[in-house]
PDB file of all heavy atoms in Angstrom:
ATOM      1  N   ARG A   1     -13.989-115.243 -94.180  1.00  0.00           N
ATOM      2  CA  ARG A   1     -13.973-116.519 -94.892  1.00  0.00           C
ATOM      3  C   ARG A   1     -12.724-116.621 -95.763  1.00  0.00           C
ATOM      4  O   ARG A   1     -12.031-117.645 -95.775  1.00  0.00           O
ATOM      5  CB  ARG A   1     -15.240-116.644 -95.738  1.00  0.00           C
ATOM      6  CG  ARG A   1     -15.433-117.997 -96.392  1.00  0.00           C
ATOM      7  CD  ARG A   1     -16.859-118.159 -96.863  1.00  0.00           C
ATOM      8  NE  ARG A   1     -17.248-117.118 -97.802  1.00  0.00           N
ATOM      9  CZ  ARG A   1     -18.249-116.250 -97.587  1.00  0.00           C
ATOM     10  NH1 ARG A   1     -18.938-116.281 -96.457  1.00  0.00           N
ATOM     11  NH2 ARG A   1     -18.551-115.350 -98.489  1.00  0.00           N
ATOM     12  N   ARG A   2     -12.413-115.559 -96.483  1.00  0.00           N
ATOM     13  CA  ARG A   2     -11.241-115.557 -97.341  1.00  0.00           C
ATOM     14  C   ARG A   2      -9.960-115.631 -96.525  1.00  0.00           C
ATOM     15  O   ARG A   2      -9.030-116.370 -96.847  1.00  0.00           O
ATOM     16  CB  ARG A   2     -11.272-114.290 -98.208  1.00  0.00           C
ATOM     17  CG  ARG A   2     -10.191-114.223 -99.281  1.00  0.00           C
ATOM     18  CD  ARG A   2      -8.948-113.517 -98.802  1.00  0.00           C
ATOM     19  NE  ARG A   2      -9.278-112.266 -98.179  1.00  0.00           N
ATOM     20  CZ  ARG A   2      -8.495-111.649 -97.313  1.00  0.00           C
ATOM     21  NH1 ARG A   2      -7.365-112.188 -96.948  1.00  0.00           N
ATOM     22  NH2 ARG A   2      -8.846-110.498 -96.770  1.00  0.00           N
ATOM     23  N   TYR A   3      -9.921-114.886 -95.423  1.00  0.00           N
ATOM     24  CA  TYR A   3      -8.726-114.859 -94.582  1.00  0.00           C
ATOM     25  C   TYR A   3      -8.436-116.246 -94.004  1.00  0.00           C
ATOM     26  O   TYR A   3      -7.293-116.711 -93.999  1.00  0.00           O
ATOM     27  CB  TYR A   3      -8.920-113.851 -93.459  1.00  0.00           C
ATOM     28  CG  TYR A   3      -7.762-113.763 -92.501  1.00  0.00           C
ATOM     29  CD1 TYR A   3      -6.511-113.347 -92.939  1.00  0.00           C
ATOM     30  CD2 TYR A   3      -7.918-114.101 -91.158  1.00  0.00           C
ATOM     31  CE1 TYR A   3      -5.441-113.256 -92.063  1.00  0.00           C
ATOM     32  CE2 TYR A   3      -6.859-114.008 -90.277  1.00  0.00           C
ATOM     33  CZ  TYR A   3      -5.619-113.584 -90.735  1.00  0.00           C
ATOM     34  OH  TYR A   3      -4.572-113.505 -89.864  1.00  0.00           O
ATOM     35  N   LYS A   4      -9.476-116.916 -93.514  1.00  0.00           N
ATOM     36  CA  LYS A   4      -9.299-118.247 -92.937  1.00  0.00           C
ATOM     37  C   LYS A   4      -8.889-119.258 -94.001  1.00  0.00           C
ATOM     38  O   LYS A   4      -8.102-120.163 -93.749  1.00  0.00           O
ATOM     39  CB  LYS A   4     -10.591-118.706 -92.265  1.00  0.00           C
ATOM     40  CG  LYS A   4     -10.940-117.911 -91.009  1.00  0.00           C
ATOM     41  CD  LYS A   4     -12.279-118.327 -90.445  1.00  0.00           C
ATOM     42  CE  LYS A   4     -12.644-117.511 -89.216  1.00  0.00           C
ATOM     43  NZ  LYS A   4     -13.981-117.874 -88.687  1.00  0.00           N
ATOM     44  N   LYS A   5      -9.398-119.054 -95.200  1.00  0.00           N
ATOM     45  CA  LYS A   5      -9.120-120.018 -96.265  1.00  0.00           C
ATOM     46  C   LYS A   5      -7.707-119.887 -96.797  1.00  0.00           C
ATOM     47  O   LYS A   5      -7.019-120.890 -97.042  1.00  0.00           O
ATOM     48  CB  LYS A   5     -10.117-119.832 -97.411  1.00  0.00           C
ATOM     49  CG  LYS A   5      -9.932-120.818 -98.561  1.00  0.00           C
ATOM     50  CD  LYS A   5     -11.022-120.648 -99.603  1.00  0.00           C
ATOM     51  CE  LYS A   5     -10.861-121.650-100.738  1.00  0.00           C
ATOM     52  NZ  LYS A   5     -11.928-121.494-101.766  1.00  0.00           N
ATOM     53  N   TYR A   6      -7.230-118.661 -96.975  1.00  0.00           N
ATOM     54  CA  TYR A   6      -5.958-118.451 -97.644  1.00  0.00           C
ATOM     55  C   TYR A   6      -4.820-117.966 -96.749  1.00  0.00           C
ATOM     56  O   TYR A   6      -3.683-117.893 -97.179  1.00  0.00           O
ATOM     57  CB  TYR A   6      -6.121-117.450 -98.797  1.00  0.00           C
ATOM     58  CG  TYR A   6      -6.863-118.052 -99.966  1.00  0.00           C
ATOM     59  CD1 TYR A   6      -8.179-117.709-100.227  1.00  0.00           C
ATOM     60  CD2 TYR A   6      -6.243-118.983-100.804  1.00  0.00           C
ATOM     61  CE1 TYR A   6      -8.871-118.276-101.290  1.00  0.00           C
ATOM     62  CE2 TYR A   6      -6.915-119.553-101.861  1.00  0.00           C
ATOM     63  CZ  TYR A   6      -8.232-119.193-102.108  1.00  0.00           C
ATOM     64  OH  TYR A   6      -8.903-119.747-103.154  1.00  0.00           O
ATOM     65  N   ASN A   7      -5.105-117.624 -95.488  1.00  0.00           N
ATOM     66  CA  ASN A   7      -4.066-117.058 -94.656  1.00  0.00           C
ATOM     67  C   ASN A   7      -3.793-117.820 -93.370  1.00  0.00           C
ATOM     68  O   ASN A   7      -2.833-117.523 -92.676  1.00  0.00           O
ATOM     69  CB  ASN A   7      -4.407-115.611 -94.300  1.00  0.00           C
ATOM     70  CG  ASN A   7      -4.341-114.721 -95.521  1.00  0.00           C
ATOM     71  OD1 ASN A   7      -3.291-114.195 -95.852  1.00  0.00           O
ATOM     72  ND2 ASN A   7      -5.457-114.562 -96.210  1.00  0.00           N
ATOM     73  N   ILE A   8      -4.631-118.791 -93.037  1.00  0.00           N
ATOM     74  CA  ILE A   8      -4.413-119.590 -91.839  1.00  0.00           C
ATOM     75  C   ILE A   8      -4.022-120.998 -92.266  1.00  0.00           C
ATOM     76  O   ILE A   8      -4.625-121.556 -93.172  1.00  0.00           O
ATOM     77  CB  ILE A   8      -5.690-119.623 -90.963  1.00  0.00           C
ATOM     78  CG1 ILE A   8      -5.967-118.209 -90.428  1.00  0.00           C
ATOM     79  CG2 ILE A   8      -5.546-120.611 -89.822  1.00  0.00           C
ATOM     80  CD1 ILE A   8      -7.207-118.113 -89.584  1.00  0.00           C
ATOM     81  N   PRO A   9      -2.996-121.585 -91.656  1.00  0.00           N
ATOM     82  CA  PRO A   9      -2.530-122.906 -92.047  1.00  0.00           C
ATOM     83  C   PRO A   9      -3.661-123.925 -92.153  1.00  0.00           C
ATOM     84  O   PRO A   9      -4.525-124.001 -91.292  1.00  0.00           O
ATOM     85  CB  PRO A   9      -1.556-123.285 -90.924  1.00  0.00           C
ATOM     86  CG  PRO A   9      -1.055-121.972 -90.429  1.00  0.00           C
ATOM     87  CD  PRO A   9      -2.213-121.032 -90.528  1.00  0.00           C
ATOM     88  N   GLN A  10      -3.635-124.677 -93.230  1.00  0.00           N
ATOM     89  CA  GLN A  10      -4.663-125.675 -93.480  1.00  0.00           C
ATOM     90  C   GLN A  10      -4.198-127.052 -93.022  1.00  0.00           C
ATOM     91  O   GLN A  10      -3.009-127.371 -93.073  1.00  0.00           O
ATOM     92  CB  GLN A  10      -5.005-125.727 -94.981  1.00  0.00           C
ATOM     93  CG  GLN A  10      -5.406-124.367 -95.561  1.00  0.00           C
ATOM     94  CD  GLN A  10      -6.708-123.863 -94.984  1.00  0.00           C
ATOM     95  OE1 GLN A  10      -7.702-124.582 -94.960  1.00  0.00           O
ATOM     96  NE2 GLN A  10      -6.714-122.633 -94.524  1.00  0.00           N
ATOM     97  N   SER A  11      -5.132-127.878 -92.603  1.00  0.00           N
ATOM     98  CA  SER A  11      -4.785-129.222 -92.144  1.00  0.00           C
ATOM     99  C   SER A  11      -4.839-130.241 -93.276  1.00  0.00           C
ATOM    100  O   SER A  11      -4.513-131.399 -93.096  1.00  0.00           O
ATOM    101  CB  SER A  11      -5.758-129.647 -91.038  1.00  0.00           C
ATOM    102  OG  SER A  11      -7.095-129.632 -91.514  1.00  0.00           O
ATOM    103  N   ASP A  12      -5.263-129.808 -94.453  1.00  0.00           N
ATOM    104  CA  ASP A  12      -5.386-130.702 -95.600  1.00  0.00           C
ATOM    105  C   ASP A  12      -3.995-131.171 -96.027  1.00  0.00           C
ATOM    106  O   ASP A  12      -3.170-130.391 -96.507  1.00  0.00           O
ATOM    107  CB  ASP A  12      -6.070-129.969 -96.757  1.00  0.00           C
ATOM    108  CG  ASP A  12      -6.328-130.893 -97.948  1.00  0.00           C
ATOM    109  OD1 ASP A  12      -5.963-132.084 -97.869  1.00  0.00           O
ATOM    110  OD2 ASP A  12      -6.889-130.415 -98.943  1.00  0.00           O
ATOM    111  N   ALA A  13      -3.736-132.446 -95.849  1.00  0.00           N
ATOM    112  CA  ALA A  13      -2.412-132.980 -96.161  1.00  0.00           C
ATOM    113  C   ALA A  13      -2.110-132.903 -97.641  1.00  0.00           C
ATOM    114  O   ALA A  13      -0.952-132.915 -98.060  1.00  0.00           O
ATOM    115  CB  ALA A  13      -2.309-134.436 -95.691  1.00  0.00           C
ATOM    116  N   ALA A  14      -3.150-132.809 -98.471  1.00  0.00           N
ATOM    117  CA  ALA A  14      -2.951-132.780 -99.916  1.00  0.00           C
ATOM    118  C   ALA A  14      -2.476-131.415-100.384  1.00  0.00           C
ATOM    119  O   ALA A  14      -1.949-131.264-101.476  1.00  0.00           O
ATOM    120  CB  ALA A  14      -4.249-133.157-100.640  1.00  0.00           C
ATOM    121  N   ALA A  15      -2.677-130.395 -99.579  1.00  0.00           N
ATOM    122  CA  ALA A  15      -2.287-129.048 -99.974  1.00  0.00           C
ATOM    123  C   ALA A  15      -0.778-128.903 -99.897  1.00  0.00           C
ATOM    124  O   ALA A  15      -0.137-129.379 -98.966  1.00  0.00           O
ATOM    125  CB  ALA A  15      -2.954-128.018 -99.069  1.00  0.00           C
ATOM    126  N   GLU A  16      -0.196-128.255-100.913  1.00  0.00           N
ATOM    127  CA  GLU A  16       1.237-128.035-100.914  1.00  0.00           C
ATOM    128  C   GLU A  16       1.598-127.014 -99.851  1.00  0.00           C
ATOM    129  O   GLU A  16       1.022-125.944 -99.781  1.00  0.00           O
ATOM    130  CB  GLU A  16       1.687-127.547-102.289  1.00  0.00           C
ATOM    131  CG  GLU A  16       1.661-128.613-103.366  1.00  0.00           C
ATOM    132  CD  GLU A  16       2.373-128.129-104.618  1.00  0.00           C
ATOM    133  OE1 GLU A  16       3.564-127.756-104.535  1.00  0.00           O
ATOM    134  OE2 GLU A  16       1.728-128.102-105.665  1.00  0.00           O
ATOM    135  N   ALA A  17       2.587-127.351 -99.026  1.00  0.00           N
ATOM    136  CA  ALA A  17       2.990-126.438 -97.964  1.00  0.00           C
ATOM    137  C   ALA A  17       3.803-125.274 -98.511  1.00  0.00           C
ATOM    138  O   ALA A  17       3.741-124.166 -97.998  1.00  0.00           O
ATOM    139  CB  ALA A  17       3.793-127.184 -96.917  1.00  0.00           C
ATOM    140  N   VAL A  18       4.587-125.515 -99.578  1.00  0.00           N
ATOM    141  CA  VAL A  18       5.442-124.482-100.153  1.00  0.00           C
ATOM    142  C   VAL A  18       5.194-124.386-101.656  1.00  0.00           C
ATOM    143  O   VAL A  18       5.217-125.385-102.367  1.00  0.00           O
ATOM    144  CB  VAL A  18       6.929-124.774 -99.895  1.00  0.00           C
ATOM    145  CG1 VAL A  18       7.798-123.697-100.520  1.00  0.00           C
ATOM    146  CG2 VAL A  18       7.203-124.878 -98.400  1.00  0.00           C
ATOM    147  N   LEU A  19       4.954-123.152-102.124  1.00  0.00           N
ATOM    148  CA  LEU A  19       4.776-122.883-103.543  1.00  0.00           C
ATOM    149  C   LEU A  19       5.978-122.092-104.026  1.00  0.00           C
ATOM    150  O   LEU A  19       6.400-121.133-103.374  1.00  0.00           O
ATOM    151  CB  LEU A  19       3.491-122.081-103.784  1.00  0.00           C
ATOM    152  CG  LEU A  19       2.192-122.718-103.279  1.00  0.00           C
ATOM    153  CD1 LEU A  19       1.036-121.725-103.376  1.00  0.00           C
ATOM    154  CD2 LEU A  19       1.872-123.987-104.060  1.00  0.00           C
ATOM    155  N   THR A  20       6.556-122.479-105.167  1.00  0.00           N
ATOM    156  CA  THR A  20       7.767-121.819-105.651  1.00  0.00           C
ATOM    157  C   THR A  20       7.656-121.465-107.120  1.00  0.00           C
ATOM    158  O   THR A  20       6.903-122.086-107.873  1.00  0.00           O
ATOM    159  CB  THR A  20       9.005-122.713-105.449  1.00  0.00           C
ATOM    160  OG1 THR A  20       8.822-123.929-106.188  1.00  0.00           O
ATOM    161  CG2 THR A  20       9.206-123.037-103.982  1.00  0.00           C
ATOM    162  N   ASN A  21       8.460-120.450-107.501  1.00  0.00           N
ATOM    163  CA  ASN A  21       8.553-120.075-108.911  1.00  0.00           C
ATOM    164  C   ASN A  21       9.743-119.132-109.083  1.00  0.00           C
ATOM    165  O   ASN A  21       9.688-117.974-108.677  1.00  0.00           O
ATOM    166  CB  ASN A  21       7.271-119.394-109.387  1.00  0.00           C
ATOM    167  CG  ASN A  21       7.315-119.044-110.866  1.00  0.00           C
ATOM    168  OD1 ASN A  21       8.031-118.140-111.274  1.00  0.00           O
ATOM    169  ND2 ASN A  21       6.534-119.754-111.659  1.00  0.00           N
ATOM    170  N   SER A  22      10.821-119.635-109.626  1.00  0.00           N
ATOM    171  CA  SER A  22      11.970-118.823-110.021  1.00  0.00           C
ATOM    172  C   SER A  22      12.401-117.798-108.973  1.00  0.00           C
ATOM    173  O   SER A  22      12.358-116.592-109.207  1.00  0.00           O
ATOM    174  CB  SER A  22      11.656-118.097-111.336  1.00  0.00           C
ATOM    175  OG  SER A  22      12.781-117.400-111.811  1.00  0.00           O
ATOM    176  N   GLY A  23      12.802-118.282-107.801  1.00  0.00           N
ATOM    177  CA  GLY A  23      13.258-117.386-106.748  1.00  0.00           C
ATOM    178  C   GLY A  23      12.168-116.914-105.812  1.00  0.00           C
ATOM    179  O   GLY A  23      12.445-116.328-104.760  1.00  0.00           O
ATOM    180  N   LEU A  24      10.913-117.163-106.190  1.00  0.00           N
ATOM    181  CA  LEU A  24       9.774-116.795-105.351  1.00  0.00           C
ATOM    182  C   LEU A  24       9.328-118.020-104.577  1.00  0.00           C
ATOM    183  O   LEU A  24       9.109-119.090-105.149  1.00  0.00           O
ATOM    184  CB  LEU A  24       8.627-116.283-106.220  1.00  0.00           C
ATOM    185  CG  LEU A  24       7.336-115.843-105.508  1.00  0.00           C
ATOM    186  CD1 LEU A  24       7.610-114.651-104.602  1.00  0.00           C
ATOM    187  CD2 LEU A  24       6.265-115.482-106.546  1.00  0.00           C
ATOM    188  N   SER A  25       9.196-117.886-103.251  1.00  0.00           N
ATOM    189  CA  SER A  25       8.819-119.013-102.407  1.00  0.00           C
ATOM    190  C   SER A  25       7.758-118.582-101.408  1.00  0.00           C
ATOM    191  O   SER A  25       7.943-117.591-100.692  1.00  0.00           O
ATOM    192  CB  SER A  25      10.055-119.553-101.666  1.00  0.00           C
ATOM    193  OG  SER A  25       9.692-120.572-100.758  1.00  0.00           O
ATOM    194  N   MET A  26       6.653-119.330-101.340  1.00  0.00           N
ATOM    195  CA  MET A  26       5.567-119.026-100.409  1.00  0.00           C
ATOM    196  C   MET A  26       5.289-120.253 -99.543  1.00  0.00           C
ATOM    197  O   MET A  26       4.996-121.336-100.054  1.00  0.00           O
ATOM    198  CB  MET A  26       4.298-118.639-101.171  1.00  0.00           C
ATOM    199  CG  MET A  26       3.064-118.461-100.291  1.00  0.00           C
ATOM    200  SD  MET A  26       1.587-117.969-101.205  1.00  0.00           S
ATOM    201  CE  MET A  26       1.934-116.230-101.466  1.00  0.00           C
ATOM    202  N   ASN A  27       5.410-120.072 -98.241  1.00  0.00           N
ATOM    203  CA  ASN A  27       5.119-121.149 -97.297  1.00  0.00           C
ATOM    204  C   ASN A  27       3.707-120.949 -96.762  1.00  0.00           C
ATOM    205  O   ASN A  27       3.446-119.997 -96.025  1.00  0.00           O
ATOM    206  CB  ASN A  27       6.142-121.156 -96.156  1.00  0.00           C
ATOM    207  CG  ASN A  27       6.011-122.392 -95.291  1.00  0.00           C
ATOM    208  OD1 ASN A  27       4.919-122.739 -94.852  1.00  0.00           O
ATOM    209  ND2 ASN A  27       7.132-123.051 -95.039  1.00  0.00           N
ATOM    210  N   ILE A  28       2.801-121.844 -97.131  1.00  0.00           N
ATOM    211  CA  ILE A  28       1.392-121.719 -96.748  1.00  0.00           C
ATOM    212  C   ILE A  28       1.218-121.911 -95.248  1.00  0.00           C
ATOM    213  O   ILE A  28       0.421-121.225 -94.598  1.00  0.00           O
ATOM    214  CB  ILE A  28       0.530-122.752 -97.503  1.00  0.00           C
ATOM    215  CG1 ILE A  28       0.728-122.614 -99.015  1.00  0.00           C
ATOM    216  CG2 ILE A  28      -0.942-122.587 -97.131  1.00  0.00           C
ATOM    217  CD1 ILE A  28       0.408-121.242 -99.553  1.00  0.00           C
ATOM    218  N   GLN A  29       1.980-122.838 -94.665  1.00  0.00           N
ATOM    219  CA  GLN A  29       1.815-123.156 -93.252  1.00  0.00           C
ATOM    220  C   GLN A  29       2.277-122.020 -92.338  1.00  0.00           C
ATOM    221  O   GLN A  29       1.625-121.721 -91.333  1.00  0.00           O
ATOM    222  CB  GLN A  29       2.592-124.436 -92.908  1.00  0.00           C
ATOM    223  CG  GLN A  29       2.112-125.660 -93.674  1.00  0.00           C
ATOM    224  CD  GLN A  29       0.656-125.999 -93.378  1.00  0.00           C
ATOM    225  OE1 GLN A  29       0.229-125.902 -92.242  1.00  0.00           O
ATOM    226  NE2 GLN A  29      -0.086-126.385 -94.388  1.00  0.00           N
ATOM    227  N   THR A  30       3.385-121.377 -92.686  1.00  0.00           N
ATOM    228  CA  THR A  30       3.928-120.327 -91.826  1.00  0.00           C
ATOM    229  C   THR A  30       3.504-118.928 -92.262  1.00  0.00           C
ATOM    230  O   THR A  30       3.850-117.947 -91.598  1.00  0.00           O
ATOM    231  CB  THR A  30       5.465-120.382 -91.801  1.00  0.00           C
ATOM    232  OG1 THR A  30       5.965-120.147 -93.132  1.00  0.00           O
ATOM    233  CG2 THR A  30       5.937-121.739 -91.300  1.00  0.00           C
ATOM    234  N   HIS A  31       2.780-118.849 -93.392  1.00  0.00           N
ATOM    235  CA  HIS A  31       2.337-117.565 -93.941  1.00  0.00           C
ATOM    236  C   HIS A  31       3.534-116.647 -94.207  1.00  0.00           C
ATOM    237  O   HIS A  31       3.540-115.463 -93.870  1.00  0.00           O
ATOM    238  CB  HIS A  31       1.337-116.885 -92.998  1.00  0.00           C
ATOM    239  CG  HIS A  31       0.555-115.793 -93.678  1.00  0.00           C
ATOM    240  ND1 HIS A  31       0.974-114.479 -93.703  1.00  0.00           N
ATOM    241  CD2 HIS A  31      -0.594-115.828 -94.363  1.00  0.00           C
ATOM    242  CE1 HIS A  31       0.104-113.743 -94.369  1.00  0.00           C
ATOM    243  NE2 HIS A  31      -0.854-114.546 -94.785  1.00  0.00           N
ATOM    244  N   GLU A  32       4.577-117.210 -94.815  1.00  0.00           N
ATOM    245  CA  GLU A  32       5.769-116.442 -95.168  1.00  0.00           C
ATOM    246  C   GLU A  32       5.975-116.481 -96.671  1.00  0.00           C
ATOM    247  O   GLU A  32       5.667-117.479 -97.331  1.00  0.00           O
ATOM    248  CB  GLU A  32       7.003-117.013 -94.475  1.00  0.00           C
ATOM    249  CG  GLU A  32       6.990-116.882 -92.959  1.00  0.00           C
ATOM    250  CD  GLU A  32       8.194-117.545 -92.334  1.00  0.00           C
ATOM    251  OE1 GLU A  32       8.403-118.751 -92.601  1.00  0.00           O
ATOM    252  OE2 GLU A  32       8.916-116.875 -91.584  1.00  0.00           O
ATOM    253  N   CYS A  33       6.515-115.374 -97.190  1.00  0.00           N
ATOM    254  CA  CYS A  33       6.798-115.306 -98.614  1.00  0.00           C
ATOM    255  C   CYS A  33       8.168-114.658 -98.805  1.00  0.00           C
ATOM    256  O   CYS A  33       8.473-113.632 -98.176  1.00  0.00           O
ATOM    257  CB  CYS A  33       5.715-114.494 -99.328  1.00  0.00           C
ATOM    258  SG  CYS A  33       5.788-114.634-101.133  1.00  0.00           S
ATOM    259  N   PHE A  34       8.991-115.272 -99.664  1.00  0.00           N
ATOM    260  CA  PHE A  34      10.342-114.778 -99.900  1.00  0.00           C
ATOM    261  C   PHE A  34      10.594-114.629-101.388  1.00  0.00           C
ATOM    262  O   PHE A  34      10.128-115.439-102.200  1.00  0.00           O
ATOM    263  CB  PHE A  34      11.385-115.737 -99.321  1.00  0.00           C
ATOM    264  CG  PHE A  34      11.305-115.899 -97.828  1.00  0.00           C
ATOM    265  CD1 PHE A  34      10.462-116.846 -97.262  1.00  0.00           C
ATOM    266  CD2 PHE A  34      12.076-115.096 -96.994  1.00  0.00           C
ATOM    267  CE1 PHE A  34      10.394-116.998 -95.891  1.00  0.00           C
ATOM    268  CE2 PHE A  34      12.013-115.239 -95.617  1.00  0.00           C
ATOM    269  CZ  PHE A  34      11.168-116.191 -95.058  1.00  0.00           C
ATOM    270  N   LEU A  35      11.345-113.588-101.744  1.00  0.00           N
ATOM    271  CA  LEU A  35      11.784-113.396-103.113  1.00  0.00           C
ATOM    272  C   LEU A  35      13.305-113.303-103.094  1.00  0.00           C
ATOM    273  O   LEU A  35      13.869-112.363-102.526  1.00  0.00           O
ATOM    274  CB  LEU A  35      11.179-112.123-103.714  1.00  0.00           C
ATOM    275  CG  LEU A  35      11.552-111.825-105.168  1.00  0.00           C
ATOM    276  CD1 LEU A  35      11.123-112.975-106.084  1.00  0.00           C
ATOM    277  CD2 LEU A  35      10.926-110.512-105.632  1.00  0.00           C
TER     278      LEU A  35
END
């Protein structure tokens, strides 16, 4: 349940596809994270 919720791309258009913070970037759709 947790894996599907937080690790598989969501179809909810309201959800942010990319989360960022001072050089940290997380792409929810592609399950990629960069620092």
